[in-house]
PDB file of N, CA and C in Angstrom:
ATOM      1  N   MET A   1     100.833 110.086 109.867  1.00  0.00           N
ATOM      2  CA  MET A   1     100.099 109.209 108.910  1.00  0.00           C
ATOM      3  C   MET A   1      98.826 108.636 108.492  1.00  0.00           C
ATOM      4  N   LYS A   2      98.432 108.319 107.756  1.00  0.00           N
ATOM      5  CA  LYS A   2      96.959 107.745 107.560  1.00  0.00           C
ATOM      6  C   LYS A   2      97.099 106.518 107.564  1.00  0.00           C
ATOM      7  N   PRO A   3      96.150 105.827 108.211  1.00  0.00           N
ATOM      8  CA  PRO A   3      96.170 104.276 108.010  1.00  0.00           C
ATOM      9  C   PRO A   3      96.125 103.659 106.690  1.00  0.00           C
ATOM     10  N   VAL A   4      96.734 102.427 106.170  1.00  0.00           N
ATOM     11  CA  VAL A   4      96.737 102.148 105.084  1.00  0.00           C
ATOM     12  C   VAL A   4      96.262 100.761 105.217  1.00  0.00           C
ATOM     13  N   GLU A   5      95.351 100.397 104.355  1.00  0.00           N
ATOM     14  CA  GLU A   5      94.560  98.766 104.322  1.00  0.00           C
ATOM     15  C   GLU A   5      94.754  98.534 103.017  1.00  0.00           C
ATOM     16  N   ILE A   6      95.328  97.106 102.995  1.00  0.00           N
ATOM     17  CA  ILE A   6      95.656  96.608 101.530  1.00  0.00           C
ATOM     18  C   ILE A   6      94.519  95.130 101.338  1.00  0.00           C
ATOM     19  N   TYR A   7      93.765  95.044 100.412  1.00  0.00           N
ATOM     20  CA  TYR A   7      93.171  93.565 100.400  1.00  0.00           C
ATOM     21  C   TYR A   7      94.092  92.861  99.428  1.00  0.00           C
ATOM     22  N   THR A   8      94.474  91.682  99.672  1.00  0.00           N
ATOM     23  CA  THR A   8      95.159  90.943  99.082  1.00  0.00           C
ATOM     24  C   THR A   8      95.138  89.422  98.491  1.00  0.00           C
ATOM     25  N   SER A   9      95.800  88.758  97.947  1.00  0.00           N
ATOM     26  CA  SER A   9      96.037  87.310  97.875  1.00  0.00           C
ATOM     27  C   SER A   9      97.252  86.745  97.860  1.00  0.00           C
ATOM     28  N   PRO A  10      97.553  85.607  98.427  1.00  0.00           N
ATOM     29  CA  PRO A  10      99.022  85.200  98.412  1.00  0.00           C
ATOM     30  C   PRO A  10      99.430  84.993  97.261  1.00  0.00           C
ATOM     31  N   LEU A  11      98.772  84.517  96.238  1.00  0.00           N
ATOM     32  CA  LEU A  11      98.897  84.183  94.639  1.00  0.00           C
ATOM     33  C   LEU A  11      99.214  85.399  93.842  1.00  0.00           C
ATOM     34  N   CYS A  12      98.935  86.589  94.311  1.00  0.00           N
ATOM     35  CA  CYS A  12      98.732  87.748  93.328  1.00  0.00           C
ATOM     36  C   CYS A  12     100.455  88.578  93.387  1.00  0.00           C
ATOM     37  N   GLY A  13     100.909  88.481  92.026  1.00  0.00           N
ATOM     38  CA  GLY A  13     102.087  89.198  92.035  1.00  0.00           C
ATOM     39  C   GLY A  13     102.035  90.723  92.281  1.00  0.00           C
ATOM     40  N   PHE A  14     101.081  91.421  91.731  1.00  0.00           N
ATOM     41  CA  PHE A  14     100.533  92.612  91.975  1.00  0.00           C
ATOM     42  C   PHE A  14     100.386  93.245  93.277  1.00  0.00           C
ATOM     43  N   CYS A  15      99.846  92.394  94.276  1.00  0.00           N
ATOM     44  CA  CYS A  15      99.816  92.446  95.786  1.00  0.00           C
ATOM     45  C   CYS A  15     101.300  92.574  96.176  1.00  0.00           C
ATOM     46  N   HIS A  16     102.195  91.460  96.022  1.00  0.00           N
ATOM     47  CA  HIS A  16     103.574  91.574  96.477  1.00  0.00           C
ATOM     48  C   HIS A  16     104.168  92.832  95.946  1.00  0.00           C
ATOM     49  N   ALA A  17     103.976  93.278  94.792  1.00  0.00           N
ATOM     50  CA  ALA A  17     104.466  94.528  94.496  1.00  0.00           C
ATOM     51  C   ALA A  17     104.214  95.760  94.957  1.00  0.00           C
ATOM     52  N   ALA A  18     102.746  95.772  95.259  1.00  0.00           N
ATOM     53  CA  ALA A  18     102.309  97.002  96.131  1.00  0.00           C
ATOM     54  C   ALA A  18     102.732  96.919  97.569  1.00  0.00           C
ATOM     55  N   LYS A  19     103.001  95.891  98.394  1.00  0.00           N
ATOM     56  CA  LYS A  19     103.377  95.721  99.651  1.00  0.00           C
ATOM     57  C   LYS A  19     104.855  96.163  99.710  1.00  0.00           C
ATOM     58  N   ARG A  20     105.546  95.669  98.574  1.00  0.00           N
ATOM     59  CA  ARG A  20     106.887  95.922  98.465  1.00  0.00           C
ATOM     60  C   ARG A  20     107.195  97.362  98.334  1.00  0.00           C
ATOM     61  N   LEU A  21     106.539  97.996  97.731  1.00  0.00           N
ATOM     62  CA  LEU A  21     106.568  99.649  97.775  1.00  0.00           C
ATOM     63  C   LEU A  21     106.217 100.303  99.091  1.00  0.00           C
ATOM     64  N   LEU A  22     105.306 100.102  99.626  1.00  0.00           N
ATOM     65  CA  LEU A  22     104.617 100.132 100.874  1.00  0.00           C
ATOM     66  C   LEU A  22     105.981 100.048 101.984  1.00  0.00           C
ATOM     67  N   ASP A  23     106.388  98.902 101.762  1.00  0.00           N
ATOM     68  CA  ASP A  23     107.561  98.522 102.918  1.00  0.00           C
ATOM     69  C   ASP A  23     108.767  99.319 102.627  1.00  0.00           C
ATOM     70  N   GLN A  24     109.107  99.614 101.330  1.00  0.00           N
ATOM     71  CA  GLN A  24     110.136 100.256 101.147  1.00  0.00           C
ATOM     72  C   GLN A  24     110.317 101.606 101.514  1.00  0.00           C
ATOM     73  N   LYS A  25     109.144 102.171 101.514  1.00  0.00           N
ATOM     74  CA  LYS A  25     108.550 103.603 101.902  1.00  0.00           C
ATOM     75  C   LYS A  25     108.563 103.690 103.393  1.00  0.00           C
ATOM     76  N   GLY A  26     108.458 102.747 104.137  1.00  0.00           N
ATOM     77  CA  GLY A  26     108.490 102.497 105.460  1.00  0.00           C
ATOM     78  C   GLY A  26     106.946 102.385 106.191  1.00  0.00           C
ATOM     79  N   VAL A  27     106.295 102.279 105.272  1.00  0.00           N
ATOM     80  CA  VAL A  27     104.681 102.618 105.451  1.00  0.00           C
ATOM     81  C   VAL A  27     104.246 101.354 105.905  1.00  0.00           C
ATOM     82  N   LYS A  28     103.488 101.322 107.434  1.00  0.00           N
ATOM     83  CA  LYS A  28     102.801 100.313 108.245  1.00  0.00           C
ATOM     84  C   LYS A  28     101.459 100.050 107.473  1.00  0.00           C
ATOM     85  N   PHE A  29     101.097  98.987 107.338  1.00  0.00           N
ATOM     86  CA  PHE A  29      99.701  98.750 106.519  1.00  0.00           C
ATOM     87  C   PHE A  29      99.047  97.434 107.345  1.00  0.00           C
ATOM     88  N   SER A  30      98.035  97.520 107.072  1.00  0.00           N
ATOM     89  CA  SER A  30      97.020  96.291 107.457  1.00  0.00           C
ATOM     90  C   SER A  30      96.780  95.377 106.289  1.00  0.00           C
ATOM     91  N   GLU A  31      96.863  94.210 106.472  1.00  0.00           N
ATOM     92  CA  GLU A  31      96.408  93.344 105.151  1.00  0.00           C
ATOM     93  C   GLU A  31      95.027  92.471 105.560  1.00  0.00           C
ATOM     94  N   VAL A  32      94.235  92.382 104.437  1.00  0.00           N
ATOM     95  CA  VAL A  32      93.011  91.687 104.457  1.00  0.00           C
ATOM     96  C   VAL A  32      93.348  90.697 103.350  1.00  0.00           C
ATOM     97  N   ASN A  33      93.647  89.344 103.783  1.00  0.00           N
ATOM     98  CA  ASN A  33      93.949  88.087 102.596  1.00  0.00           C
ATOM     99  C   ASN A  33      92.504  87.649 102.681  1.00  0.00           C
ATOM    100  N   VAL A  34      92.276  87.932 101.341  1.00  0.00           N
ATOM    101  CA  VAL A  34      90.681  87.400 100.604  1.00  0.00           C
ATOM    102  C   VAL A  34      90.548  86.110 100.422  1.00  0.00           C
ATOM    103  N   LEU A  35      91.513  85.531 100.447  1.00  0.00           N
ATOM    104  CA  LEU A  35      91.452  83.809 100.258  1.00  0.00           C
ATOM    105  C   LEU A  35      91.446  83.418 101.599  1.00  0.00           C
ATOM    106  N   THR A  36      92.119  83.668 102.681  1.00  0.00           N
ATOM    107  CA  THR A  36      91.664  82.890 103.989  1.00  0.00           C
ATOM    108  C   THR A  36      90.724  83.612 104.668  1.00  0.00           C
ATOM    109  N   SER A  37      90.366  84.915 104.405  1.00  0.00           N
ATOM    110  CA  SER A  37      89.224  85.497 104.848  1.00  0.00           C
ATOM    111  C   SER A  37      87.944  85.817 103.817  1.00  0.00           C
ATOM    112  N   PRO A  38      87.284  84.927 103.264  1.00  0.00           N
ATOM    113  CA  PRO A  38      86.722  85.028 101.874  1.00  0.00           C
ATOM    114  C   PRO A  38      85.272  85.901 102.285  1.00  0.00           C
ATOM    115  N   GLY A  39      84.791  85.771 103.725  1.00  0.00           N
ATOM    116  CA  GLY A  39      83.921  86.980 103.893  1.00  0.00           C
ATOM    117  C   GLY A  39      83.999  88.250 103.584  1.00  0.00           C
ATOM    118  N   ARG A  40      85.327  88.717 103.748  1.00  0.00           N
ATOM    119  CA  ARG A  40      85.801  90.196 103.503  1.00  0.00           C
ATOM    120  C   ARG A  40      85.975  90.647 102.164  1.00  0.00           C
ATOM    121  N   LYS A  41      85.804  89.391 101.092  1.00  0.00           N
ATOM    122  CA  LYS A  41      85.913  89.974  99.589  1.00  0.00           C
ATOM    123  C   LYS A  41      84.920  90.945  99.447  1.00  0.00           C
ATOM    124  N   ALA A  42      83.362  90.700  99.829  1.00  0.00           N
ATOM    125  CA  ALA A  42      82.495  91.370  99.653  1.00  0.00           C
ATOM    126  C   ALA A  42      82.512  92.809 100.198  1.00  0.00           C
ATOM    127  N   GLU A  43      83.090  92.793 101.250  1.00  0.00           N
ATOM    128  CA  GLU A  43      83.378  94.118 102.187  1.00  0.00           C
ATOM    129  C   GLU A  43      84.395  94.834 101.012  1.00  0.00           C
ATOM    130  N   MET A  44      85.446  94.046 100.436  1.00  0.00           N
ATOM    131  CA  MET A  44      86.462  94.710  99.664  1.00  0.00           C
ATOM    132  C   MET A  44      85.495  95.474  98.444  1.00  0.00           C
ATOM    133  N   ILE A  45      84.803  94.673  97.661  1.00  0.00           N
ATOM    134  CA  ILE A  45      83.991  95.115  96.646  1.00  0.00           C
ATOM    135  C   ILE A  45      83.322  96.352  96.805  1.00  0.00           C
ATOM    136  N   LYS A  46      82.245  96.355  98.120  1.00  0.00           N
ATOM    137  CA  LYS A  46      81.787  97.328  98.232  1.00  0.00           C
ATOM    138  C   LYS A  46      82.454  98.827  98.567  1.00  0.00           C
ATOM    139  N   ARG A  47      83.638  98.559  99.472  1.00  0.00           N
ATOM    140  CA  ARG A  47      84.629  99.855  99.684  1.00  0.00           C
ATOM    141  C   ARG A  47      85.291 100.040  98.493  1.00  0.00           C
ATOM    142  N   ALA A  48      85.486  99.397  97.636  1.00  0.00           N
ATOM    143  CA  ALA A  48      86.179  99.719  96.436  1.00  0.00           C
ATOM    144  C   ALA A  48      85.139  99.856  94.971  1.00  0.00           C
ATOM    145  N   ARG A  49      84.106 100.347  95.534  1.00  0.00           N
ATOM    146  CA  ARG A  49      82.925 100.510  94.561  1.00  0.00           C
ATOM    147  C   ARG A  49      82.923  99.269  93.316  1.00  0.00           C
ATOM    148  N   GLY A  50      83.066  98.175  93.468  1.00  0.00           N
ATOM    149  CA  GLY A  50      82.777  97.336  92.384  1.00  0.00           C
ATOM    150  C   GLY A  50      84.120  96.753  92.075  1.00  0.00           C
ATOM    151  N   GLY A  51      85.224  97.381  92.406  1.00  0.00           N
ATOM    152  CA  GLY A  51      86.406  96.439  92.069  1.00  0.00           C
ATOM    153  C   GLY A  51      86.603  95.119  92.905  1.00  0.00           C
ATOM    154  N   ARG A  52      86.952  94.106  91.983  1.00  0.00           N
ATOM    155  CA  ARG A  52      86.734  92.733  92.389  1.00  0.00           C
ATOM    156  C   ARG A  52      88.032  92.387  92.205  1.00  0.00           C
ATOM    157  N   THR A  53      89.007  92.712  91.908  1.00  0.00           N
ATOM    158  CA  THR A  53      90.490  92.178  91.685  1.00  0.00           C
ATOM    159  C   THR A  53      91.302  92.633  92.917  1.00  0.00           C
ATOM    160  N   VAL A  54      92.459  91.781  93.205  1.00  0.00           N
ATOM    161  CA  VAL A  54      93.336  92.489  94.251  1.00  0.00           C
ATOM    162  C   VAL A  54      94.590  92.808  93.888  1.00  0.00           C
ATOM    163  N   PRO A  55      95.423  93.614  94.168  1.00  0.00           N
ATOM    164  CA  PRO A  55      95.077  94.364  95.596  1.00  0.00           C
ATOM    165  C   PRO A  55      94.097  95.282  95.501  1.00  0.00           C
ATOM    166  N   GLN A  56      93.490  95.850  96.369  1.00  0.00           N
ATOM    167  CA  GLN A  56      92.563  97.060  96.473  1.00  0.00           C
ATOM    168  C   GLN A  56      93.111  97.664  97.840  1.00  0.00           C
ATOM    169  N   ILE A  57      93.611  99.305  97.368  1.00  0.00           N
ATOM    170  CA  ILE A  57      94.268  99.808  98.232  1.00  0.00           C
ATOM    171  C   ILE A  57      93.619 100.921  98.707  1.00  0.00           C
ATOM    172  N   PHE A  58      93.688 101.191 100.083  1.00  0.00           N
ATOM    173  CA  PHE A  58      93.057 102.386 100.828  1.00  0.00           C
ATOM    174  C   PHE A  58      93.846 103.114 101.687  1.00  0.00           C
ATOM    175  N   ILE A  59      93.923 104.317 101.548  1.00  0.00           N
ATOM    176  CA  ILE A  59      94.783 105.245 102.523  1.00  0.00           C
ATOM    177  C   ILE A  59      93.894 106.287 103.076  1.00  0.00           C
ATOM    178  N   GLY A  60      93.657 105.955 104.377  1.00  0.00           N
ATOM    179  CA  GLY A  60      92.782 106.789 105.034  1.00  0.00           C
ATOM    180  C   GLY A  60      91.306 106.172 104.489  1.00  0.00           C
ATOM    181  N   THR A  61      90.536 107.161 104.051  1.00  0.00           N
ATOM    182  CA  THR A  61      89.213 106.891 103.870  1.00  0.00           C
ATOM    183  C   THR A  61      89.132 106.936 102.147  1.00  0.00           C
ATOM    184  N   ASP A  62      90.190 106.989 101.432  1.00  0.00           N
ATOM    185  CA  ASP A  62      90.523 107.114 100.148  1.00  0.00           C
ATOM    186  C   ASP A  62      90.766 105.673  99.409  1.00  0.00           C
ATOM    187  N   HIS A  63      89.997 105.473  98.394  1.00  0.00           N
ATOM    188  CA  HIS A  63      90.338 104.402  97.761  1.00  0.00           C
ATOM    189  C   HIS A  63      91.522 104.905  96.575  1.00  0.00           C
ATOM    190  N   VAL A  64      92.500 104.435  96.714  1.00  0.00           N
ATOM    191  CA  VAL A  64      93.427 104.454  95.791  1.00  0.00           C
ATOM    192  C   VAL A  64      93.326 103.743  94.410  1.00  0.00           C
ATOM    193  N   GLY A  65      93.035 102.279  94.724  1.00  0.00           N
ATOM    194  CA  GLY A  65      92.782 101.575  93.502  1.00  0.00           C
ATOM    195  C   GLY A  65      93.593 100.145  93.557  1.00  0.00           C
ATOM    196  N   GLY A  66      94.321  99.868  92.657  1.00  0.00           N
ATOM    197  CA  GLY A  66      95.287  98.910  92.587  1.00  0.00           C
ATOM    198  C   GLY A  66      96.579  98.947  92.756  1.00  0.00           C
ATOM    199  N   CYS A  67      97.687  98.199  92.517  1.00  0.00           N
ATOM    200  CA  CYS A  67      98.954  98.253  92.304  1.00  0.00           C
ATOM    201  C   CYS A  67      99.338  99.622  91.274  1.00  0.00           C
ATOM    202  N   ASP A  68      99.013  99.552  90.167  1.00  0.00           N
ATOM    203  CA  ASP A  68      99.132 100.428  88.854  1.00  0.00           C
ATOM    204  C   ASP A  68      98.904 101.610  89.446  1.00  0.00           C
ATOM    205  N   GLU A  69      97.752 101.918  90.074  1.00  0.00           N
ATOM    206  CA  GLU A  69      97.408 103.464  90.728  1.00  0.00           C
ATOM    207  C   GLU A  69      98.710 103.672  91.729  1.00  0.00           C
ATOM    208  N   LEU A  70      98.819 102.895  92.548  1.00  0.00           N
ATOM    209  CA  LEU A  70      99.828 102.977  94.009  1.00  0.00           C
ATOM    210  C   LEU A  70     101.151 103.608  93.161  1.00  0.00           C
ATOM    211  N   TYR A  71     101.526 102.842  92.265  1.00  0.00           N
ATOM    212  CA  TYR A  71     102.729 103.224  91.547  1.00  0.00           C
ATOM    213  C   TYR A  71     102.663 104.445  90.696  1.00  0.00           C
ATOM    214  N   ALA A  72     101.578 104.863  90.189  1.00  0.00           N
ATOM    215  CA  ALA A  72     101.449 106.013  89.463  1.00  0.00           C
ATOM    216  C   ALA A  72     101.326 107.174  90.456  1.00  0.00           C
ATOM    217  N   LEU A  73     101.010 106.993  91.567  1.00  0.00           N
ATOM    218  CA  LEU A  73     100.768 107.997  92.452  1.00  0.00           C
ATOM    219  C   LEU A  73     102.425 108.381  93.099  1.00  0.00           C
ATOM    220  N   GLU A  74     102.952 107.187  93.302  1.00  0.00           N
ATOM    221  CA  GLU A  74     104.754 107.208  93.427  1.00  0.00           C
ATOM    222  C   GLU A  74     105.540 108.129  92.264  1.00  0.00           C
ATOM    223  N   ARG A  75     105.163 107.832  91.177  1.00  0.00           N
ATOM    224  CA  ARG A  75     105.899 108.392  90.313  1.00  0.00           C
ATOM    225  C   ARG A  75     105.454 109.734  89.790  1.00  0.00           C
ATOM    226  N   ALA A  76     104.448 110.078  90.103  1.00  0.00           N
ATOM    227  CA  ALA A  76     103.817 111.591  90.183  1.00  0.00           C
ATOM    228  C   ALA A  76     104.408 112.425  91.305  1.00  0.00           C
ATOM    229  N   GLY A  77     104.673 111.697  92.358  1.00  0.00           N
ATOM    230  CA  GLY A  77     105.474 112.574  93.346  1.00  0.00           C
ATOM    231  C   GLY A  77     104.266 112.912  94.364  1.00  0.00           C
ATOM    232  N   LYS A  78     103.050 112.187  94.229  1.00  0.00           N
ATOM    233  CA  LYS A  78     101.891 112.250  95.206  1.00  0.00           C
ATOM    234  C   LYS A  78     101.584 111.373  96.489  1.00  0.00           C
ATOM    235  N   LEU A  79     102.366 110.589  96.220  1.00  0.00           N
ATOM    236  CA  LEU A  79     102.028 109.355  97.491  1.00  0.00           C
ATOM    237  C   LEU A  79     102.302 109.824  98.431  1.00  0.00           C
ATOM    238  N   ASP A  80     103.405 110.397  98.974  1.00  0.00           N
ATOM    239  CA  ASP A  80     103.601 110.670 100.285  1.00  0.00           C
ATOM    240  C   ASP A  80     102.845 111.730 100.789  1.00  0.00           C
ATOM    241  N   ALA A  81     102.580 112.542  99.669  1.00  0.00           N
ATOM    242  CA  ALA A  81     101.496 113.792 100.482  1.00  0.00           C
ATOM    243  C   ALA A  81     100.036 113.209 100.931  1.00  0.00           C
ATOM    244  N   LEU A  82      99.971 112.051 100.171  1.00  0.00           N
ATOM    245  CA  LEU A  82      98.342 111.351 100.477  1.00  0.00           C
ATOM    246  C   LEU A  82      98.454 110.635 101.567  1.00  0.00           C
ATOM    247  N   LEU A  83      99.688 110.340 101.961  1.00  0.00           N
ATOM    248  CA  LEU A  83     100.110 109.044 103.144  1.00  0.00           C
ATOM    249  C   LEU A  83     100.002 110.498 104.398  1.00  0.00           C
ATOM    250  N   ALA A  84     100.615 111.452 104.004  1.00  0.00           N
ATOM    251  CA  ALA A  84     100.742 112.380 105.243  1.00  0.00           C
ATOM    252  C   ALA A  84      99.810 113.120 105.657  1.00  0.00           C
ATOM    253  N   ALA A  85      98.960 113.536 104.453  1.00  0.00           N
ATOM    254  CA  ALA A  85      97.709 114.329 104.801  1.00  0.00           C
ATOM    255  C   ALA A  85      96.757 114.048 106.049  1.00  0.00           C
TER     256      ALA A  85
END
């Protein structure tokens, strides 16, 4: 399984929803809280090619996007393949 990294904020409902989906699927992920590590926000924006909102989700080297994109991959039946590839 590819490594999964998610940039989050504890105040973000979309962040909680994205993490909940990953947890339900048994996916281990590393989390970067941009509120407690504000210096990492610039890193997130660069990696997400300008994406400034959280969550920003990466599977391996692929930038998935945010919560909506993660759920869209799941609904389309493509998330498991992306995680496993």
